[in-house]
Amino acid sequence: MALADISEANDVRSVNANVKHNEKPLLMALLHVSDGGDTRPCFFNGTVHDNPDEKNLVLLASAYGQITNPDYALDTLDNRQITLTHPIQGNFRLDIRDEGRVATATANIVKEDTSGGNSVKATLQLEIPDPIDIELTLATQDGVQMKVTAAVKVSGTTEVSASGTLKEEGDWRQGDIAITPADGDPQILRARGSKGFMTQDESHSGCEGEWHY
C-alpha cells in the first residue's frame, strides 16, 4: 500500500510517499519540484529512504537536477522564431548508498553573435560512469543557411560526428545531414524543421502553437 501527501509552498510542489506491506513500513520517498520563476531555475530534488520503523530513516538514493528557467532564457520574435536571450545551464546528479555517485550530467547552451549572424552551441557532459561529451553547433551567417555540426565523444574519443547545411524555404529549414560513425560509412539524414512556432491554424487541434521537425 502506498500513501502520498502532496503540498505546495513558495512555488515548490512536494510529494511525500510512504510504502507499506501488511502495515509494515518499507520505503519513504520525498520529491520537491519547482518550475522556477524569473531568474530562479527549475529544479527537482528527490530522495528514497529505507523506513523500517518510521523513525530511523536510512537514505538509499538521491537525485537532484536544475536548469535555467526557459521563460527567462528564451524569447519568441514577431516572426515566431525562438531566440536565446540568456545562456541555459543545467546539472544533474544521482547517488546510490552502496555505490556513491553513479551519474552526473552538465548541460550548457550559449549564443555568440558573429559577423552577419550568430552561433548557438549546446554541450552535454555525462559521467555514467565513462565520460560522454555531446556537442551541437548551429551557425547562421546570412540568415538563410544554417550550418550544423555535432560530435559524440566517449572517454575523449569521437564515436560519431555529423555535419550539414539547412536552407531556409518558407517557414522551414531543411537539408541533408551526414552522420559518420567512427568505424563506418556516412549516413545521410534528410532533416526538416519549422523556423519557429507554427500558428494555431497550422497546429494540431487544441494546440495554440507547435514547433515541428
N, C-alpha and C. Protein backbone atom coordinates (compact mmCIF):
# COMPACT_ATOMS: atom_id res chain seq x y z
N MET A 1 0.84 -1.17 0.00
CA MET A 1 0.00 0.00 0.00
C MET A 1 0.89 1.24 0.00
N ALA A 2 0.50 2.25 -0.77
CA ALA A 2 1.26 3.49 -0.84
C ALA A 2 0.35 4.66 -0.48
N LEU A 3 0.85 5.52 0.37
CA LEU A 3 0.13 6.73 0.77
C LEU A 3 0.99 7.93 0.40
N ALA A 4 0.37 8.95 -0.19
CA ALA A 4 1.11 10.12 -0.64
C ALA A 4 0.45 11.39 -0.13
N ASP A 5 1.29 12.32 0.28
CA ASP A 5 0.84 13.63 0.71
C ASP A 5 1.43 14.67 -0.24
N ILE A 6 0.58 15.46 -0.89
CA ILE A 6 1.02 16.44 -1.88
C ILE A 6 0.75 17.84 -1.34
N SER A 7 1.75 18.71 -1.42
CA SER A 7 1.61 20.07 -0.91
C SER A 7 2.36 21.04 -1.82
N GLU A 8 2.12 22.34 -1.62
CA GLU A 8 2.79 23.37 -2.41
C GLU A 8 3.03 24.59 -1.53
N ALA A 9 4.24 25.14 -1.63
CA ALA A 9 4.59 26.35 -0.88
C ALA A 9 5.72 27.06 -1.61
N ASN A 10 5.56 28.36 -1.81
CA ASN A 10 6.60 29.18 -2.45
C ASN A 10 7.01 28.62 -3.82
N ASP A 11 6.00 28.25 -4.62
CA ASP A 11 6.22 27.72 -5.98
C ASP A 11 6.94 26.38 -6.00
N VAL A 12 7.05 25.71 -4.86
CA VAL A 12 7.67 24.39 -4.80
C VAL A 12 6.60 23.36 -4.45
N ARG A 13 6.43 22.36 -5.33
CA ARG A 13 5.48 21.30 -5.10
C ARG A 13 6.20 20.12 -4.45
N SER A 14 5.60 19.56 -3.43
CA SER A 14 6.25 18.48 -2.68
C SER A 14 5.35 17.27 -2.61
N VAL A 15 5.97 16.09 -2.72
CA VAL A 15 5.26 14.82 -2.58
C VAL A 15 5.99 13.97 -1.55
N ASN A 16 5.26 13.51 -0.56
CA ASN A 16 5.81 12.62 0.47
C ASN A 16 5.03 11.32 0.39
N ALA A 17 5.69 10.25 -0.05
CA ALA A 17 5.02 8.96 -0.25
C ALA A 17 5.61 7.91 0.69
N ASN A 18 4.73 7.13 1.28
CA ASN A 18 5.15 6.03 2.16
C ASN A 18 4.58 4.72 1.62
N VAL A 19 5.45 3.72 1.55
CA VAL A 19 5.06 2.40 1.05
C VAL A 19 5.08 1.41 2.21
N LYS A 20 3.96 0.69 2.38
CA LYS A 20 3.85 -0.29 3.45
C LYS A 20 3.39 -1.64 2.89
N HIS A 21 3.77 -2.70 3.58
CA HIS A 21 3.32 -4.05 3.23
C HIS A 21 2.82 -4.72 4.51
N ASN A 22 1.55 -5.08 4.50
CA ASN A 22 0.93 -5.64 5.71
C ASN A 22 1.15 -4.73 6.92
N GLU A 23 0.94 -3.43 6.67
CA GLU A 23 1.08 -2.39 7.69
C GLU A 23 2.51 -2.18 8.17
N LYS A 24 3.47 -2.88 7.55
CA LYS A 24 4.86 -2.68 7.92
C LYS A 24 5.51 -1.67 7.00
N PRO A 25 6.10 -0.58 7.54
CA PRO A 25 6.75 0.43 6.69
C PRO A 25 7.93 -0.17 5.91
N LEU A 26 8.00 0.17 4.62
CA LEU A 26 9.10 -0.31 3.79
C LEU A 26 9.97 0.84 3.28
N LEU A 27 9.36 1.76 2.57
CA LEU A 27 10.11 2.84 1.94
C LEU A 27 9.39 4.18 2.13
N MET A 28 10.16 5.25 2.11
CA MET A 28 9.60 6.58 2.08
C MET A 28 10.32 7.38 1.01
N ALA A 29 9.56 8.05 0.16
CA ALA A 29 10.14 8.86 -0.92
C ALA A 29 9.68 10.31 -0.77
N LEU A 30 10.62 11.22 -0.96
CA LEU A 30 10.34 12.65 -0.91
C LEU A 30 10.74 13.27 -2.24
N LEU A 31 9.88 14.12 -2.78
CA LEU A 31 10.18 14.79 -4.05
C LEU A 31 9.75 16.24 -3.96
N HIS A 32 10.67 17.14 -4.31
CA HIS A 32 10.38 18.56 -4.38
C HIS A 32 10.65 19.03 -5.81
N VAL A 33 9.67 19.73 -6.41
CA VAL A 33 9.77 20.17 -7.80
C VAL A 33 9.34 21.62 -7.90
N SER A 34 10.07 22.41 -8.69
CA SER A 34 9.70 23.79 -8.93
C SER A 34 9.93 24.14 -10.39
N ASP A 35 9.01 24.90 -10.99
CA ASP A 35 9.20 25.37 -12.36
C ASP A 35 9.87 26.73 -12.39
N GLY A 36 10.45 27.14 -11.27
CA GLY A 36 11.22 28.37 -11.21
C GLY A 36 10.36 29.61 -11.35
N GLY A 37 10.99 30.68 -11.78
CA GLY A 37 10.31 31.95 -11.95
C GLY A 37 11.33 33.05 -12.09
N ASP A 38 11.15 33.92 -13.10
CA ASP A 38 12.13 34.97 -13.37
C ASP A 38 13.52 34.35 -13.53
N THR A 39 14.46 34.74 -12.70
CA THR A 39 15.82 34.21 -12.83
C THR A 39 16.03 32.92 -12.03
N ARG A 40 15.03 32.49 -11.28
CA ARG A 40 15.17 31.27 -10.47
C ARG A 40 15.06 30.04 -11.37
N PRO A 41 15.96 29.07 -11.23
CA PRO A 41 15.94 27.90 -12.11
C PRO A 41 14.82 26.92 -11.76
N CYS A 42 14.48 26.09 -12.72
CA CYS A 42 13.61 24.94 -12.45
C CYS A 42 14.47 23.87 -11.78
N PHE A 43 13.88 23.11 -10.85
CA PHE A 43 14.68 22.08 -10.20
C PHE A 43 13.79 20.96 -9.68
N PHE A 44 14.43 19.82 -9.44
CA PHE A 44 13.79 18.73 -8.70
C PHE A 44 14.81 18.17 -7.72
N ASN A 45 14.32 17.68 -6.59
CA ASN A 45 15.18 17.09 -5.57
C ASN A 45 14.43 15.91 -4.97
N GLY A 46 14.93 14.72 -5.18
CA GLY A 46 14.23 13.53 -4.70
C GLY A 46 15.12 12.62 -3.88
N THR A 47 14.53 11.98 -2.89
CA THR A 47 15.26 11.02 -2.07
C THR A 47 14.37 9.80 -1.80
N VAL A 48 15.01 8.66 -1.65
CA VAL A 48 14.30 7.43 -1.27
C VAL A 48 14.98 6.88 -0.03
N HIS A 49 14.18 6.59 1.00
CA HIS A 49 14.71 6.12 2.28
C HIS A 49 14.15 4.74 2.62
N ASP A 50 15.01 3.92 3.21
CA ASP A 50 14.53 2.71 3.87
C ASP A 50 13.83 3.14 5.15
N ASN A 51 12.66 2.58 5.40
CA ASN A 51 11.83 3.07 6.52
C ASN A 51 11.35 1.90 7.37
N PRO A 52 12.29 1.24 8.06
CA PRO A 52 11.91 0.02 8.78
C PRO A 52 11.00 0.25 9.97
N ASP A 53 11.11 1.39 10.64
CA ASP A 53 10.31 1.58 11.85
C ASP A 53 9.68 2.97 11.94
N GLU A 54 9.67 3.68 10.80
CA GLU A 54 9.08 5.02 10.72
C GLU A 54 9.82 6.04 11.59
N LYS A 55 10.99 5.70 12.09
CA LYS A 55 11.75 6.62 12.92
C LYS A 55 13.17 6.79 12.40
N ASN A 56 13.86 5.68 12.22
CA ASN A 56 15.26 5.71 11.82
C ASN A 56 15.37 5.51 10.30
N LEU A 57 15.29 6.61 9.57
CA LEU A 57 15.34 6.53 8.11
C LEU A 57 16.77 6.31 7.63
N VAL A 58 16.92 5.48 6.62
CA VAL A 58 18.22 5.21 6.01
C VAL A 58 18.15 5.63 4.55
N LEU A 59 19.00 6.56 4.15
CA LEU A 59 19.00 7.05 2.78
C LEU A 59 19.48 5.97 1.81
N LEU A 60 18.65 5.63 0.83
CA LEU A 60 19.02 4.64 -0.18
C LEU A 60 19.52 5.30 -1.46
N ALA A 61 18.86 6.37 -1.89
CA ALA A 61 19.25 7.02 -3.14
C ALA A 61 18.75 8.45 -3.13
N SER A 62 19.45 9.30 -3.87
CA SER A 62 19.02 10.68 -4.01
C SER A 62 19.35 11.16 -5.42
N ALA A 63 18.53 12.08 -5.92
CA ALA A 63 18.74 12.65 -7.24
C ALA A 63 18.40 14.13 -7.19
N TYR A 64 19.20 14.92 -7.90
CA TYR A 64 18.96 16.36 -7.93
C TYR A 64 19.29 16.88 -9.32
N GLY A 65 18.47 17.80 -9.79
CA GLY A 65 18.73 18.41 -11.08
C GLY A 65 18.13 19.80 -11.15
N GLN A 66 18.76 20.67 -11.93
CA GLN A 66 18.22 22.01 -12.13
C GLN A 66 18.61 22.51 -13.51
N ILE A 67 17.81 23.43 -14.05
CA ILE A 67 18.07 24.01 -15.35
C ILE A 67 17.52 25.42 -15.37
N THR A 68 18.15 26.28 -16.14
CA THR A 68 17.71 27.66 -16.26
C THR A 68 16.26 27.72 -16.70
N ASN A 69 15.49 28.60 -16.10
CA ASN A 69 14.08 28.75 -16.44
C ASN A 69 13.94 29.13 -17.91
N PRO A 70 13.25 28.31 -18.73
CA PRO A 70 13.11 28.62 -20.16
C PRO A 70 12.44 29.97 -20.42
N ASP A 71 11.48 30.36 -19.55
CA ASP A 71 10.82 31.65 -19.73
C ASP A 71 11.80 32.81 -19.60
N TYR A 72 12.86 32.60 -18.84
CA TYR A 72 13.89 33.63 -18.66
C TYR A 72 14.91 33.58 -19.80
N ALA A 73 15.23 32.37 -20.27
CA ALA A 73 16.32 32.21 -21.24
C ALA A 73 15.87 32.40 -22.68
N LEU A 74 14.59 32.15 -22.98
CA LEU A 74 14.13 32.15 -24.36
C LEU A 74 13.10 33.25 -24.60
N ASP A 75 13.03 33.71 -25.84
CA ASP A 75 12.03 34.69 -26.23
C ASP A 75 11.56 34.35 -27.64
N THR A 76 10.32 34.72 -27.95
CA THR A 76 9.76 34.48 -29.27
C THR A 76 9.66 35.80 -30.02
N LEU A 77 10.26 35.86 -31.21
CA LEU A 77 10.26 37.08 -32.01
C LEU A 77 8.92 37.24 -32.73
N ASP A 78 8.75 38.39 -33.38
CA ASP A 78 7.50 38.66 -34.08
C ASP A 78 7.22 37.66 -35.19
N ASN A 79 8.29 37.08 -35.77
CA ASN A 79 8.10 36.10 -36.83
C ASN A 79 7.98 34.68 -36.28
N ARG A 80 7.77 34.57 -34.97
CA ARG A 80 7.53 33.30 -34.26
C ARG A 80 8.81 32.47 -34.09
N GLN A 81 9.96 32.99 -34.51
CA GLN A 81 11.21 32.27 -34.26
C GLN A 81 11.64 32.46 -32.81
N ILE A 82 12.31 31.44 -32.28
CA ILE A 82 12.75 31.45 -30.89
C ILE A 82 14.19 31.95 -30.83
N THR A 83 14.46 32.86 -29.91
CA THR A 83 15.81 33.37 -29.74
C THR A 83 16.29 33.11 -28.32
N LEU A 84 17.57 32.87 -28.18
CA LEU A 84 18.19 32.62 -26.88
C LEU A 84 18.68 33.95 -26.32
N THR A 85 18.02 34.46 -25.29
CA THR A 85 18.40 35.76 -24.72
C THR A 85 19.37 35.63 -23.56
N HIS A 86 19.38 34.48 -22.89
CA HIS A 86 20.32 34.23 -21.80
C HIS A 86 20.81 32.78 -21.91
N PRO A 87 22.04 32.51 -21.50
CA PRO A 87 22.54 31.13 -21.55
C PRO A 87 21.67 30.18 -20.72
N ILE A 88 21.58 28.94 -21.19
CA ILE A 88 20.88 27.89 -20.45
C ILE A 88 21.92 26.97 -19.83
N GLN A 89 21.81 26.77 -18.54
CA GLN A 89 22.73 25.88 -17.82
C GLN A 89 21.93 24.88 -16.99
N GLY A 90 22.40 23.66 -16.96
CA GLY A 90 21.72 22.64 -16.19
C GLY A 90 22.70 21.63 -15.63
N ASN A 91 22.32 20.97 -14.55
CA ASN A 91 23.14 19.90 -14.00
C ASN A 91 22.25 18.88 -13.30
N PHE A 92 22.79 17.67 -13.18
CA PHE A 92 22.05 16.56 -12.60
C PHE A 92 23.03 15.64 -11.89
N ARG A 93 22.58 15.02 -10.82
CA ARG A 93 23.41 14.01 -10.16
C ARG A 93 22.52 12.93 -9.56
N LEU A 94 23.04 11.72 -9.52
CA LEU A 94 22.34 10.58 -8.93
C LEU A 94 23.29 9.84 -8.01
N ASP A 95 22.90 9.68 -6.76
CA ASP A 95 23.71 8.97 -5.77
C ASP A 95 22.94 7.76 -5.24
N ILE A 96 23.64 6.64 -5.10
CA ILE A 96 23.07 5.42 -4.53
C ILE A 96 23.94 5.02 -3.33
N ARG A 97 23.31 4.65 -2.25
CA ARG A 97 24.01 4.45 -0.98
C ARG A 97 25.23 3.54 -1.10
N ASP A 98 25.07 2.37 -1.69
CA ASP A 98 26.16 1.40 -1.71
C ASP A 98 27.17 1.64 -2.83
N GLU A 99 26.86 2.58 -3.75
CA GLU A 99 27.74 2.78 -4.90
C GLU A 99 28.26 4.20 -5.01
N GLY A 100 27.75 5.12 -4.20
CA GLY A 100 28.18 6.51 -4.30
C GLY A 100 27.53 7.20 -5.49
N ARG A 101 28.22 8.16 -6.03
CA ARG A 101 27.67 8.92 -7.17
C ARG A 101 27.83 8.09 -8.44
N VAL A 102 26.71 7.71 -9.03
CA VAL A 102 26.75 6.81 -10.18
C VAL A 102 26.52 7.54 -11.50
N ALA A 103 26.00 8.78 -11.46
CA ALA A 103 25.76 9.50 -12.70
C ALA A 103 25.73 11.00 -12.44
N THR A 104 26.33 11.74 -13.36
CA THR A 104 26.25 13.20 -13.32
C THR A 104 26.04 13.69 -14.75
N ALA A 105 25.46 14.86 -14.89
CA ALA A 105 25.27 15.47 -16.20
C ALA A 105 25.36 16.98 -16.06
N THR A 106 25.99 17.61 -17.04
CA THR A 106 26.09 19.06 -17.09
C THR A 106 25.77 19.51 -18.50
N ALA A 107 24.87 20.48 -18.63
CA ALA A 107 24.46 20.96 -19.95
C ALA A 107 24.61 22.47 -20.02
N ASN A 108 25.03 22.97 -21.19
CA ASN A 108 25.17 24.40 -21.42
C ASN A 108 24.73 24.73 -22.84
N ILE A 109 23.97 25.80 -22.99
CA ILE A 109 23.58 26.31 -24.30
C ILE A 109 23.87 27.80 -24.32
N VAL A 110 24.73 28.23 -25.23
CA VAL A 110 25.13 29.64 -25.30
C VAL A 110 25.02 30.12 -26.74
N LYS A 111 24.80 31.42 -26.89
CA LYS A 111 24.73 32.04 -28.21
C LYS A 111 25.83 33.07 -28.34
N GLU A 112 26.50 33.06 -29.48
CA GLU A 112 27.56 34.02 -29.75
C GLU A 112 27.24 34.75 -31.05
N ASP A 113 27.21 36.08 -31.00
CA ASP A 113 26.97 36.87 -32.20
C ASP A 113 28.22 36.86 -33.07
N THR A 114 28.02 36.62 -34.36
CA THR A 114 29.13 36.61 -35.31
C THR A 114 28.82 37.60 -36.43
N SER A 115 29.77 37.80 -37.30
CA SER A 115 29.58 38.74 -38.40
C SER A 115 28.44 38.27 -39.31
N GLY A 116 27.35 39.02 -39.33
CA GLY A 116 26.23 38.69 -40.19
C GLY A 116 25.30 37.63 -39.66
N GLY A 117 25.53 37.15 -38.43
CA GLY A 117 24.65 36.10 -37.91
C GLY A 117 24.98 35.77 -36.48
N ASN A 118 24.77 34.51 -36.11
CA ASN A 118 25.09 34.08 -34.76
C ASN A 118 25.32 32.58 -34.74
N SER A 119 25.86 32.12 -33.63
CA SER A 119 26.15 30.70 -33.45
C SER A 119 25.63 30.25 -32.10
N VAL A 120 24.87 29.19 -32.09
CA VAL A 120 24.36 28.61 -30.86
C VAL A 120 25.05 27.27 -30.64
N LYS A 121 25.68 27.13 -29.47
CA LYS A 121 26.41 25.90 -29.17
C LYS A 121 25.82 25.24 -27.93
N ALA A 122 25.51 23.97 -28.06
CA ALA A 122 24.97 23.19 -26.94
C ALA A 122 25.95 22.07 -26.61
N THR A 123 26.26 21.91 -25.32
CA THR A 123 27.15 20.84 -24.88
C THR A 123 26.49 20.07 -23.74
N LEU A 124 26.71 18.78 -23.74
CA LEU A 124 26.20 17.91 -22.69
C LEU A 124 27.32 16.98 -22.27
N GLN A 125 27.65 17.00 -20.99
CA GLN A 125 28.71 16.14 -20.45
C GLN A 125 28.10 15.16 -19.45
N LEU A 126 28.35 13.88 -19.69
CA LEU A 126 27.79 12.83 -18.86
C LEU A 126 28.90 12.00 -18.23
N GLU A 127 28.64 11.50 -17.04
CA GLU A 127 29.54 10.53 -16.38
C GLU A 127 28.66 9.38 -15.92
N ILE A 128 28.67 8.23 -16.67
CA ILE A 128 27.73 7.15 -16.34
C ILE A 128 28.28 5.73 -16.58
N PRO A 129 29.40 5.28 -16.04
CA PRO A 129 30.42 6.10 -15.38
C PRO A 129 31.45 6.67 -16.34
N ASP A 130 31.55 6.09 -17.57
CA ASP A 130 32.52 6.62 -18.52
C ASP A 130 32.08 8.01 -18.99
N PRO A 131 33.03 8.93 -19.18
CA PRO A 131 32.66 10.28 -19.63
C PRO A 131 32.18 10.29 -21.08
N ILE A 132 31.05 10.94 -21.31
CA ILE A 132 30.48 11.10 -22.64
C ILE A 132 30.26 12.60 -22.88
N ASP A 133 30.77 13.10 -23.98
CA ASP A 133 30.63 14.51 -24.34
C ASP A 133 29.86 14.61 -25.65
N ILE A 134 28.81 15.41 -25.64
CA ILE A 134 28.00 15.64 -26.83
C ILE A 134 28.02 17.14 -27.14
N GLU A 135 28.34 17.48 -28.38
CA GLU A 135 28.39 18.88 -28.80
C GLU A 135 27.54 19.07 -30.04
N LEU A 136 26.80 20.19 -30.07
CA LEU A 136 25.97 20.54 -31.22
C LEU A 136 26.11 22.04 -31.46
N THR A 137 26.41 22.42 -32.69
CA THR A 137 26.54 23.84 -33.03
C THR A 137 25.65 24.15 -34.23
N LEU A 138 24.86 25.22 -34.09
CA LEU A 138 24.00 25.72 -35.17
C LEU A 138 24.46 27.13 -35.49
N ALA A 139 24.96 27.36 -36.69
CA ALA A 139 25.54 28.65 -37.04
C ALA A 139 24.88 29.21 -38.30
N THR A 140 24.49 30.49 -38.24
CA THR A 140 23.95 31.19 -39.41
C THR A 140 24.77 32.46 -39.63
N GLN A 141 25.02 32.77 -40.91
CA GLN A 141 25.76 33.97 -41.25
C GLN A 141 24.98 34.89 -42.17
N ASP A 142 24.14 34.31 -43.02
CA ASP A 142 23.39 35.12 -43.97
C ASP A 142 21.89 35.14 -43.69
N GLY A 143 21.47 34.48 -42.60
CA GLY A 143 20.06 34.43 -42.28
C GLY A 143 19.26 33.46 -43.13
N VAL A 144 19.91 32.80 -44.09
CA VAL A 144 19.22 31.89 -45.00
C VAL A 144 19.67 30.45 -44.77
N GLN A 145 20.97 30.26 -44.58
CA GLN A 145 21.52 28.92 -44.40
C GLN A 145 22.01 28.74 -42.96
N MET A 146 21.77 27.56 -42.43
CA MET A 146 22.24 27.21 -41.10
C MET A 146 23.17 26.02 -41.20
N LYS A 147 24.40 26.20 -40.73
CA LYS A 147 25.36 25.10 -40.73
C LYS A 147 25.25 24.33 -39.42
N VAL A 148 25.19 23.02 -39.53
CA VAL A 148 25.02 22.14 -38.38
C VAL A 148 26.25 21.25 -38.23
N THR A 149 26.84 21.24 -37.05
CA THR A 149 27.93 20.31 -36.74
C THR A 149 27.65 19.67 -35.38
N ALA A 150 28.03 18.43 -35.23
CA ALA A 150 27.79 17.71 -33.98
C ALA A 150 28.84 16.62 -33.82
N ALA A 151 29.05 16.22 -32.57
CA ALA A 151 30.00 15.15 -32.28
C ALA A 151 29.63 14.49 -30.96
N VAL A 152 29.87 13.20 -30.89
CA VAL A 152 29.69 12.43 -29.65
C VAL A 152 31.02 11.77 -29.33
N LYS A 153 31.55 12.07 -28.13
CA LYS A 153 32.83 11.51 -27.71
C LYS A 153 32.65 10.67 -26.45
N VAL A 154 33.33 9.53 -26.41
CA VAL A 154 33.33 8.65 -25.25
C VAL A 154 34.76 8.52 -24.77
N SER A 155 35.01 8.92 -23.54
CA SER A 155 36.37 8.91 -22.97
C SER A 155 37.34 9.64 -23.88
N GLY A 156 36.90 10.75 -24.48
CA GLY A 156 37.76 11.58 -25.30
C GLY A 156 37.90 11.15 -26.75
N THR A 157 37.32 10.01 -27.12
CA THR A 157 37.41 9.50 -28.49
C THR A 157 36.10 9.75 -29.23
N THR A 158 36.19 10.37 -30.41
CA THR A 158 34.99 10.66 -31.20
C THR A 158 34.40 9.37 -31.75
N GLU A 159 33.16 9.09 -31.38
CA GLU A 159 32.47 7.90 -31.84
C GLU A 159 31.54 8.20 -33.01
N VAL A 160 30.95 9.38 -33.03
CA VAL A 160 30.03 9.79 -34.09
C VAL A 160 30.20 11.28 -34.34
N SER A 161 30.20 11.68 -35.61
CA SER A 161 30.21 13.10 -35.95
C SER A 161 29.14 13.35 -37.01
N ALA A 162 28.71 14.60 -37.11
CA ALA A 162 27.67 14.94 -38.07
C ALA A 162 27.89 16.36 -38.56
N SER A 163 27.50 16.61 -39.81
CA SER A 163 27.60 17.96 -40.37
C SER A 163 26.64 18.08 -41.54
N GLY A 164 26.22 19.31 -41.80
CA GLY A 164 25.32 19.55 -42.91
C GLY A 164 24.86 21.00 -42.92
N THR A 165 24.03 21.32 -43.90
CA THR A 165 23.51 22.68 -44.04
C THR A 165 22.01 22.62 -44.25
N LEU A 166 21.30 23.42 -43.46
CA LEU A 166 19.85 23.55 -43.60
C LEU A 166 19.55 24.89 -44.26
N LYS A 167 18.80 24.86 -45.36
CA LYS A 167 18.47 26.07 -46.09
C LYS A 167 17.04 26.51 -45.75
N GLU A 168 16.86 27.82 -45.73
CA GLU A 168 15.55 28.38 -45.42
C GLU A 168 14.65 28.31 -46.64
N GLU A 169 13.48 27.71 -46.45
CA GLU A 169 12.47 27.62 -47.50
C GLU A 169 11.11 27.89 -46.88
N GLY A 170 10.62 29.11 -47.06
CA GLY A 170 9.35 29.49 -46.45
C GLY A 170 9.46 29.49 -44.93
N ASP A 171 8.55 28.76 -44.27
CA ASP A 171 8.55 28.67 -42.81
C ASP A 171 9.44 27.55 -42.30
N TRP A 172 10.27 26.97 -43.18
CA TRP A 172 11.03 25.79 -42.80
C TRP A 172 12.52 25.97 -43.06
N ARG A 173 13.32 25.18 -42.37
CA ARG A 173 14.73 24.96 -42.71
C ARG A 173 14.88 23.48 -43.00
N GLN A 174 15.53 23.15 -44.10
CA GLN A 174 15.67 21.74 -44.45
C GLN A 174 16.95 21.51 -45.23
N GLY A 175 17.42 20.26 -45.15
CA GLY A 175 18.65 19.91 -45.86
C GLY A 175 19.14 18.54 -45.41
N ASP A 176 20.30 18.16 -45.92
CA ASP A 176 20.88 16.85 -45.62
C ASP A 176 21.94 16.97 -44.53
N ILE A 177 21.90 16.04 -43.59
CA ILE A 177 22.90 15.95 -42.52
C ILE A 177 23.64 14.62 -42.69
N ALA A 178 24.96 14.70 -42.81
CA ALA A 178 25.79 13.49 -42.94
C ALA A 178 26.22 13.05 -41.54
N ILE A 179 25.84 11.84 -41.17
CA ILE A 179 26.19 11.27 -39.86
C ILE A 179 27.24 10.18 -40.08
N THR A 180 28.40 10.36 -39.46
CA THR A 180 29.53 9.46 -39.71
C THR A 180 29.98 8.79 -38.43
N PRO A 181 29.79 7.47 -38.29
CA PRO A 181 30.35 6.76 -37.13
C PRO A 181 31.84 6.57 -37.29
N ALA A 182 32.53 6.35 -36.18
CA ALA A 182 33.99 6.24 -36.21
C ALA A 182 34.44 5.06 -37.05
N ASP A 183 33.66 4.01 -37.09
CA ASP A 183 34.09 2.79 -37.79
C ASP A 183 33.15 2.42 -38.93
N GLY A 184 32.51 3.43 -39.55
CA GLY A 184 31.58 3.11 -40.62
C GLY A 184 31.48 4.22 -41.64
N ASP A 185 30.63 4.00 -42.63
CA ASP A 185 30.43 4.96 -43.70
C ASP A 185 29.38 5.99 -43.30
N PRO A 186 29.46 7.19 -43.91
CA PRO A 186 28.47 8.23 -43.60
C PRO A 186 27.06 7.80 -44.00
N GLN A 187 26.10 8.21 -43.19
CA GLN A 187 24.70 8.01 -43.48
C GLN A 187 24.06 9.38 -43.64
N ILE A 188 23.20 9.54 -44.62
CA ILE A 188 22.58 10.83 -44.91
C ILE A 188 21.18 10.87 -44.29
N LEU A 189 20.96 11.90 -43.47
CA LEU A 189 19.66 12.12 -42.84
C LEU A 189 19.04 13.37 -43.45
N ARG A 190 17.84 13.24 -43.97
CA ARG A 190 17.12 14.39 -44.50
C ARG A 190 16.37 15.06 -43.35
N ALA A 191 16.74 16.29 -43.02
CA ALA A 191 16.17 16.98 -41.86
C ALA A 191 15.31 18.15 -42.32
N ARG A 192 14.22 18.38 -41.58
CA ARG A 192 13.31 19.48 -41.90
C ARG A 192 12.68 19.97 -40.61
N GLY A 193 12.80 21.25 -40.32
CA GLY A 193 12.23 21.79 -39.09
C GLY A 193 11.65 23.17 -39.31
N SER A 194 10.56 23.47 -38.62
CA SER A 194 9.98 24.80 -38.72
C SER A 194 10.91 25.82 -38.08
N LYS A 195 10.96 27.02 -38.65
CA LYS A 195 11.86 28.06 -38.13
C LYS A 195 11.42 28.56 -36.77
N GLY A 196 10.15 28.40 -36.46
CA GLY A 196 9.62 28.84 -35.17
C GLY A 196 8.33 28.13 -34.88
N PHE A 197 7.59 28.62 -33.92
CA PHE A 197 6.31 28.02 -33.59
C PHE A 197 5.34 28.23 -34.75
N MET A 198 4.61 27.16 -35.10
CA MET A 198 3.59 27.28 -36.13
C MET A 198 2.37 27.98 -35.55
N THR A 199 1.65 28.71 -36.38
CA THR A 199 0.45 29.39 -35.91
C THR A 199 -0.64 28.37 -35.59
N GLN A 200 -1.69 28.83 -34.89
CA GLN A 200 -2.71 27.92 -34.42
C GLN A 200 -3.40 27.17 -35.55
N ASP A 201 -3.63 27.86 -36.68
CA ASP A 201 -4.32 27.18 -37.78
C ASP A 201 -3.44 26.17 -38.48
N GLU A 202 -2.13 26.16 -38.18
CA GLU A 202 -1.22 25.17 -38.75
C GLU A 202 -0.91 24.04 -37.78
N SER A 203 -1.39 24.17 -36.53
CA SER A 203 -1.06 23.20 -35.49
C SER A 203 -2.20 22.20 -35.33
N HIS A 204 -1.94 21.18 -34.52
CA HIS A 204 -2.96 20.19 -34.24
C HIS A 204 -4.08 20.80 -33.40
N SER A 205 -5.24 20.20 -33.48
CA SER A 205 -6.40 20.69 -32.74
C SER A 205 -6.10 20.76 -31.25
N GLY A 206 -6.45 21.89 -30.62
CA GLY A 206 -6.25 22.06 -29.19
C GLY A 206 -4.92 22.67 -28.82
N CYS A 207 -4.03 22.88 -29.79
CA CYS A 207 -2.71 23.46 -29.52
C CYS A 207 -2.67 24.90 -30.01
N GLU A 208 -2.20 25.82 -29.17
CA GLU A 208 -2.07 27.21 -29.57
C GLU A 208 -0.91 27.39 -30.54
N GLY A 209 0.10 26.57 -30.42
CA GLY A 209 1.24 26.65 -31.32
C GLY A 209 2.16 25.47 -31.12
N GLU A 210 2.83 25.05 -32.17
CA GLU A 210 3.74 23.92 -32.09
C GLU A 210 5.01 24.24 -32.85
N TRP A 211 6.06 23.53 -32.49
CA TRP A 211 7.30 23.59 -33.27
C TRP A 211 7.49 22.22 -33.89
N HIS A 212 7.66 22.17 -35.20
CA HIS A 212 7.73 20.89 -35.92
C HIS A 212 9.16 20.62 -36.40
N TYR A 213 9.50 19.33 -36.47
CA TYR A 213 10.78 18.94 -37.05
C TYR A 213 10.58 17.67 -37.83
